[in-house]
Amino acid sequence: LDLRRSSLSAFLSDRVQLSRNWFLEAGLRIDHDLEGPGRRRSYFSPRLAARWNAGPATVWRMSYGRAQQSDEVQELRIEDGVESFDDAQRADQFVLSVDRRIAARGMLRIEGFDRRVRNPRTRYENLLDPLRFLPELSPDRVAVSPTSARLRGIEASTQWELGEWSIWGAYTRAEAFDAIDGRRRRRS
């Protein structure tokens, strides 16, 4: 293959303090792709975030963002027979989190997210053995082309400062569903 792709991206944002405890940030990412003669695409991805300092030890954050980013040249799946770039997938994500300071040296964060994807990229999976060393050489390899997807989850994390040492841990629970042939299916 002899493919060429040029990309130009810009991101603008501004943060304002609405009051002593409220902050708002808005942003816009603009991506422009050029792939050979006559194939130009532009994507606009807005973002909005709010922060509320609920007290000296508690901070709430909420954000919404859209991401429309196309594949990089090295992400073209030529090992699976793909010879052209797809349109960028569009993902709208909402995140809500709370940070709570525990004592003088500890922090607890709980964060939830909901991500909805339109036009997801085709991905390739092995039906019988998903953990193969060279998965693209397996005869059970199939293309999975959902029309949309939804991912959601929650994460709890903690961090403690102990003198010169810092320890942390996290637990995450997430699930992903694809819409294939008009039916909602759990992603493998």
C-alpha atoms as a PDB file:
ATOM      1  CA  LEU A   1       0.000   0.000   0.000  1.00  0.00           C
ATOM      2  CA  ASP A   2       1.037   3.549  -0.639  1.00  0.00           C
ATOM      3  CA  LEU A   3      -1.170   5.614   1.669  1.00  0.00           C
ATOM      4  CA  ARG A   4      -0.503   9.138   2.819  1.00  0.00           C
ATOM      5  CA  ARG A   5      -2.324  11.039   5.493  1.00  0.00           C
ATOM      6  CA  SER A   6      -1.843  14.513   6.928  1.00  0.00           C
ATOM      7  CA  SER A   7      -3.550  15.713  10.077  1.00  0.00           C
ATOM      8  CA  LEU A   8      -3.870  19.060  11.746  1.00  0.00           C
ATOM      9  CA  SER A   9      -5.405  19.448  15.198  1.00  0.00           C
ATOM     10  CA  ALA A  10      -6.048  22.412  17.453  1.00  0.00           C
ATOM     11  CA  PHE A  11      -7.519  22.612  20.937  1.00  0.00           C
ATOM     12  CA  LEU A  12      -8.876  25.735  22.571  1.00  0.00           C
ATOM     13  CA  SER A  13     -10.104  25.966  26.139  1.00  0.00           C
ATOM     14  CA  ASP A  14     -10.884  28.496  28.814  1.00  0.00           C
ATOM     15  CA  ARG A  15     -11.467  28.129  32.539  1.00  0.00           C
ATOM     16  CA  VAL A  16     -13.459  30.629  34.559  1.00  0.00           C
ATOM     17  CA  GLN A  17     -14.169  30.888  38.260  1.00  0.00           C
ATOM     18  CA  LEU A  18     -17.905  31.481  38.636  1.00  0.00           C
ATOM     19  CA  SER A  19     -17.788  31.928  42.414  1.00  0.00           C
ATOM     20  CA  ARG A  20     -15.514  31.025  45.314  1.00  0.00           C
ATOM     21  CA  ASN A  21     -16.342  27.310  44.998  1.00  0.00           C
ATOM     22  CA  TRP A  22     -17.485  26.878  41.379  1.00  0.00           C
ATOM     23  CA  PHE A  23     -15.263  26.559  38.311  1.00  0.00           C
ATOM     24  CA  LEU A  24     -16.271  26.000  34.684  1.00  0.00           C
ATOM     25  CA  GLU A  25     -14.097  24.976  31.749  1.00  0.00           C
ATOM     26  CA  ALA A  26     -15.124  24.815  28.101  1.00  0.00           C
ATOM     27  CA  GLY A  27     -13.077  23.612  25.193  1.00  0.00           C
ATOM     28  CA  LEU A  28     -13.181  22.705  21.532  1.00  0.00           C
ATOM     29  CA  ARG A  29     -10.889  20.378  19.614  1.00  0.00           C
ATOM     30  CA  ILE A  30     -10.780  20.694  15.837  1.00  0.00           C
ATOM     31  CA  ASP A  31      -9.251  17.935  13.703  1.00  0.00           C
ATOM     32  CA  HIS A  32      -8.691  18.144   9.956  1.00  0.00           C
ATOM     33  CA  ASP A  33      -7.505  15.126   7.959  1.00  0.00           C
ATOM     34  CA  LEU A  34      -6.273  15.014   4.389  1.00  0.00           C
ATOM     35  CA  GLU A  35      -5.912  11.624   2.697  1.00  0.00           C
ATOM     36  CA  GLY A  36      -4.835  11.903  -0.872  1.00  0.00           C
ATOM     37  CA  PRO A  37      -6.613  13.949  -3.542  1.00  0.00           C
ATOM     38  CA  GLY A  38     -10.160  14.985  -2.743  1.00  0.00           C
ATOM     39  CA  ARG A  39     -10.506  13.225   0.613  1.00  0.00           C
ATOM     40  CA  ARG A  40     -10.704  15.806   3.388  1.00  0.00           C
ATOM     41  CA  ARG A  41     -12.520  15.496   6.684  1.00  0.00           C
ATOM     42  CA  SER A  42     -13.014  17.884   9.583  1.00  0.00           C
ATOM     43  CA  TYR A  43     -14.227  16.990  13.070  1.00  0.00           C
ATOM     44  CA  PHE A  44     -15.362  19.242  15.916  1.00  0.00           C
ATOM     45  CA  SER A  45     -15.253  17.908  19.473  1.00  0.00           C
ATOM     46  CA  PRO A  46     -16.668  20.125  22.258  1.00  0.00           C
ATOM     47  CA  ARG A  47     -15.870  19.625  25.944  1.00  0.00           C
ATOM     48  CA  LEU A  48     -17.419  21.061  29.094  1.00  0.00           C
ATOM     49  CA  ALA A  49     -16.388  20.525  32.719  1.00  0.00           C
ATOM     50  CA  ALA A  50     -17.527  21.853  36.085  1.00  0.00           C
ATOM     51  CA  ARG A  51     -15.892  21.671  39.509  1.00  0.00           C
ATOM     52  CA  TRP A  52     -17.509  22.352  42.870  1.00  0.00           C
ATOM     53  CA  ASN A  53     -15.472  22.634  46.052  1.00  0.00           C
ATOM     54  CA  ALA A  54     -18.149  21.349  48.425  1.00  0.00           C
ATOM     55  CA  GLY A  55     -15.959  21.907  51.481  1.00  0.00           C
ATOM     56  CA  PRO A  56     -12.349  21.885  52.592  1.00  0.00           C
ATOM     57  CA  ALA A  57     -12.081  18.114  52.055  1.00  0.00           C
ATOM     58  CA  THR A  58     -14.530  17.368  49.218  1.00  0.00           C
ATOM     59  CA  VAL A  59     -14.435  18.225  45.503  1.00  0.00           C
ATOM     60  CA  TRP A  60     -17.091  17.198  42.946  1.00  0.00           C
ATOM     61  CA  ARG A  61     -16.294  17.131  39.225  1.00  0.00           C
ATOM     62  CA  MET A  62     -18.587  16.643  36.250  1.00  0.00           C
ATOM     63  CA  SER A  63     -17.582  16.637  32.599  1.00  0.00           C
ATOM     64  CA  TYR A  64     -18.958  15.992  29.151  1.00  0.00           C
ATOM     65  CA  GLY A  65     -16.810  15.563  26.102  1.00  0.00           C
ATOM     66  CA  ARG A  66     -17.039  14.441  22.520  1.00  0.00           C
ATOM     67  CA  ALA A  67     -14.088  12.775  20.868  1.00  0.00           C
ATOM     68  CA  GLN A  68     -13.900  12.378  17.097  1.00  0.00           C
ATOM     69  CA  GLN A  69     -10.419  11.306  16.222  1.00  0.00           C
ATOM     70  CA  SER A  70      -9.379   9.362  13.183  1.00  0.00           C
ATOM     71  CA  ASP A  71      -6.843   6.546  13.044  1.00  0.00           C
ATOM     72  CA  GLU A  72      -3.180   7.318  12.836  1.00  0.00           C
ATOM     73  CA  VAL A  73      -1.299   5.845   9.861  1.00  0.00           C
ATOM     74  CA  GLN A  74       0.288   3.105  12.006  1.00  0.00           C
ATOM     75  CA  GLU A  75      -3.172   2.027  13.239  1.00  0.00           C
ATOM     76  CA  LEU A  76      -4.332   0.809   9.810  1.00  0.00           C
ATOM     77  CA  ARG A  77      -5.087  -2.908  10.270  1.00  0.00           C
ATOM     78  CA  ILE A  78      -3.271  -4.201   7.185  1.00  0.00           C
ATOM     79  CA  GLU A  79      -2.679  -7.558   8.919  1.00  0.00           C
ATOM     80  CA  ASP A  80      -6.467  -8.054   8.780  1.00  0.00           C
ATOM     81  CA  GLY A  81      -6.799  -6.996   5.131  1.00  0.00           C
ATOM     82  CA  VAL A  82      -7.891  -3.404   5.766  1.00  0.00           C
ATOM     83  CA  GLU A  83      -6.604  -1.098   3.007  1.00  0.00           C
ATOM     84  CA  SER A  84      -8.340   2.214   3.713  1.00  0.00           C
ATOM     85  CA  PHE A  85      -9.135   4.427   6.671  1.00  0.00           C
ATOM     86  CA  ASP A  86     -12.615   4.550   8.166  1.00  0.00           C
ATOM     87  CA  ASP A  87     -14.364   7.736   9.207  1.00  0.00           C
ATOM     88  CA  ALA A  88     -13.548   8.758  12.756  1.00  0.00           C
ATOM     89  CA  GLN A  89     -15.664   7.119  15.406  1.00  0.00           C
ATOM     90  CA  ARG A  90     -17.650   9.542  17.557  1.00  0.00           C
ATOM     91  CA  ALA A  91     -17.686   9.040  21.312  1.00  0.00           C
ATOM     92  CA  ASP A  92     -19.729  11.115  23.762  1.00  0.00           C
ATOM     93  CA  GLN A  93     -18.618  10.643  27.361  1.00  0.00           C
ATOM     94  CA  PHE A  94     -20.052  11.841  30.666  1.00  0.00           C
ATOM     95  CA  VAL A  95     -17.982  11.577  33.866  1.00  0.00           C
ATOM     96  CA  LEU A  96     -18.969  12.293  37.472  1.00  0.00           C
ATOM     97  CA  SER A  97     -16.430  12.063  40.305  1.00  0.00           C
ATOM     98  CA  VAL A  98     -15.930  12.993  43.925  1.00  0.00           C
ATOM     99  CA  ASP A  99     -12.600  13.424  45.723  1.00  0.00           C
ATOM    100  CA  ARG A 100     -12.534  13.233  49.493  1.00  0.00           C
ATOM    101  CA  ARG A 101      -9.480  13.986  51.619  1.00  0.00           C
ATOM    102  CA  ILE A 102      -9.178  11.427  54.400  1.00  0.00           C
ATOM    103  CA  ALA A 103      -7.123  12.657  57.334  1.00  0.00           C
ATOM    104  CA  ALA A 104      -4.084  14.756  56.420  1.00  0.00           C
ATOM    105  CA  ARG A 105      -2.364  12.254  54.110  1.00  0.00           C
ATOM    106  CA  GLY A 106      -5.071  10.230  52.423  1.00  0.00           C
ATOM    107  CA  MET A 107      -7.352  10.743  49.430  1.00  0.00           C
ATOM    108  CA  LEU A 108     -10.344   8.743  48.195  1.00  0.00           C
ATOM    109  CA  ARG A 109     -11.823   9.168  44.706  1.00  0.00           C
ATOM    110  CA  ILE A 110     -14.970   7.603  43.265  1.00  0.00           C
ATOM    111  CA  GLU A 111     -15.594   8.140  39.574  1.00  0.00           C
ATOM    112  CA  GLY A 112     -18.279   6.909  37.203  1.00  0.00           C
ATOM    113  CA  PHE A 113     -18.433   7.182  33.424  1.00  0.00           C
ATOM    114  CA  ASP A 114     -20.879   6.560  30.596  1.00  0.00           C
ATOM    115  CA  ARG A 115     -19.496   6.512  27.042  1.00  0.00           C
ATOM    116  CA  ARG A 116     -21.647   6.172  23.913  1.00  0.00           C
ATOM    117  CA  VAL A 117     -19.905   5.480  20.621  1.00  0.00           C
ATOM    118  CA  ARG A 118     -21.345   6.075  17.159  1.00  0.00           C
ATOM    119  CA  ASN A 119     -19.693   4.525  14.136  1.00  0.00           C
ATOM    120  CA  PRO A 120     -17.276   2.324  16.133  1.00  0.00           C
ATOM    121  CA  ARG A 121     -14.285   0.994  14.267  1.00  0.00           C
ATOM    122  CA  THR A 122     -14.406  -2.555  13.034  1.00  0.00           C
ATOM    123  CA  ARG A 123     -12.305  -4.750  15.295  1.00  0.00           C
ATOM    124  CA  TYR A 124     -11.038  -8.280  14.839  1.00  0.00           C
ATOM    125  CA  GLU A 125     -11.405 -11.111  17.333  1.00  0.00           C
ATOM    126  CA  ASN A 126     -10.569 -14.775  17.479  1.00  0.00           C
ATOM    127  CA  LEU A 127     -13.614 -16.914  18.267  1.00  0.00           C
ATOM    128  CA  LEU A 128     -11.908 -19.965  19.760  1.00  0.00           C
ATOM    129  CA  ASP A 129      -8.698 -18.673  21.332  1.00  0.00           C
ATOM    130  CA  PRO A 130      -8.686 -14.909  22.047  1.00  0.00           C
ATOM    131  CA  LEU A 131      -5.228 -15.015  23.676  1.00  0.00           C
ATOM    132  CA  ARG A 132      -3.182 -16.257  20.691  1.00  0.00           C
ATOM    133  CA  PHE A 133       0.402 -15.051  20.305  1.00  0.00           C
ATOM    134  CA  LEU A 134      -0.190 -14.127  16.627  1.00  0.00           C
ATOM    135  CA  PRO A 135      -3.985 -13.722  16.506  1.00  0.00           C
ATOM    136  CA  GLU A 136      -4.109 -12.570  12.857  1.00  0.00           C
ATOM    137  CA  LEU A 137      -2.751 -15.948  11.695  1.00  0.00           C
ATOM    138  CA  SER A 138      -5.629 -17.921  13.216  1.00  0.00           C
ATOM    139  CA  PRO A 139      -8.376 -19.372  11.001  1.00  0.00           C
ATOM    140  CA  ASP A 140     -11.064 -18.403  13.557  1.00  0.00           C
ATOM    141  CA  ARG A 141     -10.467 -14.639  13.126  1.00  0.00           C
ATOM    142  CA  VAL A 142     -13.626 -12.620  12.429  1.00  0.00           C
ATOM    143  CA  ALA A 143     -14.483  -8.967  11.908  1.00  0.00           C
ATOM    144  CA  VAL A 144     -16.869  -7.411  14.435  1.00  0.00           C
ATOM    145  CA  SER A 145     -18.635  -4.317  13.046  1.00  0.00           C
ATOM    146  CA  PRO A 146     -21.097  -2.826  15.540  1.00  0.00           C
ATOM    147  CA  THR A 147     -23.304   0.116  14.587  1.00  0.00           C
ATOM    148  CA  SER A 148     -22.917   1.670  18.052  1.00  0.00           C
ATOM    149  CA  ALA A 149     -21.484   0.854  21.460  1.00  0.00           C
ATOM    150  CA  ARG A 150     -21.992   1.799  25.092  1.00  0.00           C
ATOM    151  CA  LEU A 151     -19.380   1.543  27.813  1.00  0.00           C
ATOM    152  CA  ARG A 152     -19.934   2.387  31.451  1.00  0.00           C
ATOM    153  CA  GLY A 153     -18.184   1.833  34.711  1.00  0.00           C
ATOM    154  CA  ILE A 154     -17.124   2.993  38.121  1.00  0.00           C
ATOM    155  CA  GLU A 155     -13.717   3.249  39.761  1.00  0.00           C
ATOM    156  CA  ALA A 156     -12.760   3.714  43.401  1.00  0.00           C
ATOM    157  CA  SER A 157      -9.193   4.659  44.202  1.00  0.00           C
ATOM    158  CA  THR A 158      -7.236   5.715  47.242  1.00  0.00           C
ATOM    159  CA  GLN A 159      -3.815   7.230  47.805  1.00  0.00           C
ATOM    160  CA  TRP A 160      -1.827   7.624  51.019  1.00  0.00           C
ATOM    161  CA  GLU A 161       1.336   9.636  51.685  1.00  0.00           C
ATOM    162  CA  LEU A 162       3.533   7.951  54.301  1.00  0.00           C
ATOM    163  CA  GLY A 163       6.594  10.118  54.764  1.00  0.00           C
ATOM    164  CA  GLU A 164       8.738   9.630  51.670  1.00  0.00           C
ATOM    165  CA  TRP A 165       6.514   6.809  50.464  1.00  0.00           C
ATOM    166  CA  SER A 166       3.260   6.956  48.583  1.00  0.00           C
ATOM    167  CA  ILE A 167       0.909   3.992  48.173  1.00  0.00           C
ATOM    168  CA  TRP A 168      -2.244   3.748  46.114  1.00  0.00           C
ATOM    169  CA  GLY A 169      -4.804   1.235  44.994  1.00  0.00           C
ATOM    170  CA  ALA A 170      -7.829   1.160  42.718  1.00  0.00           C
ATOM    171  CA  TYR A 171     -10.791  -1.050  41.913  1.00  0.00           C
ATOM    172  CA  THR A 172     -12.639  -0.726  38.618  1.00  0.00           C
ATOM    173  CA  ARG A 173     -15.861  -2.309  37.402  1.00  0.00           C
ATOM    174  CA  ALA A 174     -16.797  -1.679  33.775  1.00  0.00           C
ATOM    175  CA  GLU A 175     -18.929  -3.202  31.055  1.00  0.00           C
ATOM    176  CA  ALA A 176     -19.232  -2.702  27.325  1.00  0.00           C
ATOM    177  CA  PHE A 177     -22.097  -3.465  24.941  1.00  0.00           C
ATOM    178  CA  ASP A 178     -22.213  -3.373  21.151  1.00  0.00           C
ATOM    179  CA  ALA A 179     -25.253  -2.950  18.907  1.00  0.00           C
ATOM    180  CA  ILE A 180     -24.945  -5.603  16.191  1.00  0.00           C
ATOM    181  CA  ASP A 181     -27.809  -6.426  13.782  1.00  0.00           C
ATOM    182  CA  GLY A 182     -30.181  -4.337  15.891  1.00  0.00           C
ATOM    183  CA  ARG A 183     -29.461  -6.306  19.094  1.00  0.00           C
ATOM    184  CA  ARG A 184     -27.523  -5.281  22.169  1.00  0.00           C
ATOM    185  CA  ARG A 185     -24.672  -7.712  22.854  1.00  0.00           C
ATOM    186  CA  ARG A 186     -22.088  -7.814  25.615  1.00  0.00           C
ATOM    187  CA  ARG A 187     -18.597  -7.176  24.249  1.00  0.00           C
ATOM    188  CA  SER A 188     -16.188 -10.076  24.652  1.00  0.00           C
END
